Protein backbone atom coordinates (compact mmCIF):
# COMPACT_ATOMS: atom_id res chain seq x y z
CA MET A 1 105.53 101.97 93.17
CA LYS A 2 108.30 100.77 90.85
CA PRO A 3 107.41 97.64 88.77
CA LEU A 4 110.02 95.39 90.44
CA THR A 5 108.93 96.57 93.96
CA LYS A 6 105.22 95.87 93.04
CA THR A 7 106.05 92.49 91.80
CA LEU A 8 108.07 91.55 94.80
CA SER A 9 105.18 92.78 96.85
CA LYS A 10 102.89 90.46 95.03
CA ILE A 11 105.22 87.61 95.55
CA SER A 12 105.41 88.12 99.27
CA HIS A 13 101.56 88.45 99.58
CA LEU A 14 101.17 85.15 97.71
CA ILE A 15 103.67 83.32 99.65
CA ARG A 16 102.11 84.48 102.81
CA TYR A 17 98.69 83.41 101.59
CA ILE A 18 100.03 79.88 100.65
CA GLU A 19 101.81 79.67 103.97
CA THR A 20 98.65 80.61 105.93
CA ASP A 21 95.96 78.91 103.87
CA TYR A 22 97.73 76.06 102.34
CA PRO A 23 100.60 74.94 104.86
CA GLU A 24 100.72 71.44 103.30
CA LEU A 25 101.67 73.15 100.09
CA TYR A 26 103.86 75.73 101.64
CA GLN A 27 106.10 73.09 103.02
CA HIS A 28 107.03 71.91 99.68
CA LEU A 29 108.13 75.28 98.55
CA ASP A 30 111.75 76.08 98.95
CA GLU A 31 110.86 79.43 100.69
CA ASN A 32 112.35 81.10 103.60
CA PRO A 33 110.74 83.94 105.55
CA VAL A 34 113.83 86.15 104.83
CA THR A 35 114.15 85.32 101.14
CA LEU A 36 112.50 88.40 99.66
CA THR A 37 113.91 90.69 102.29
CA ASN A 38 117.34 89.48 101.24
CA THR A 39 116.63 89.96 97.55
CA MET A 40 115.61 93.46 97.98
CA SER A 41 119.36 94.11 98.86
CA PRO A 42 120.94 96.46 96.26
CA LYS A 43 124.02 94.34 95.70
CA LEU A 44 121.89 91.51 94.21
CA ASP A 45 120.86 91.88 90.43
CA LEU A 46 117.22 91.34 90.16
CA ASP A 47 115.30 91.96 86.95
CA ILE A 48 111.57 92.42 86.68
CA GLU A 49 111.24 89.64 84.04
CA SER A 50 112.73 86.91 86.41
CA MET A 51 110.59 88.18 89.26
CA GLN A 52 107.47 87.99 87.18
CA ASN A 53 108.27 84.51 85.93
CA TYR A 54 108.67 83.49 89.65
CA LEU A 55 105.39 85.01 90.43
CA ASP A 56 103.68 83.15 87.48
CA THR A 57 105.18 79.87 88.58
CA LEU A 58 104.03 80.42 92.26
CA LYS A 59 100.46 81.07 90.86
CA SER A 60 100.64 78.09 88.55
CA ILE A 61 101.69 75.90 91.55
CA LEU A 62 98.79 77.02 93.76
CA HIS A 63 96.20 76.73 90.77
CA ASN A 64 97.38 73.19 89.98
CA TYR A 65 97.29 72.34 93.56
CA LYS A 66 93.58 73.62 93.95
CA LEU A 67 92.74 71.75 90.83
CA GLU A 68 94.41 68.45 92.09
CA LYS A 69 92.55 68.72 95.64
CA GLY A 70 89.13 69.59 93.99
CA ILE A 71 89.10 73.02 95.58
CA ILE A 72 88.34 74.58 92.17
CA ALA A 73 86.98 72.87 89.16
CA SER A 74 88.69 72.82 85.91
CA SER A 75 87.35 74.93 83.27
């Protein structure tokens, strides 16, 4: 699997996880179910670095949300 495809897959899975398990958080994300499908279009210029940054941002948002709600303890 190409690195960009792998990263997009991780983003998709994380967004789905947030949507399913944390709908109260998901509603604050500016996500659209077709966003990733559309970004996979060859006419768009995507780079692995920007997608990895986006993935890291989503992970950070989820982590901070879990800390704020006491779902996980700060270390």
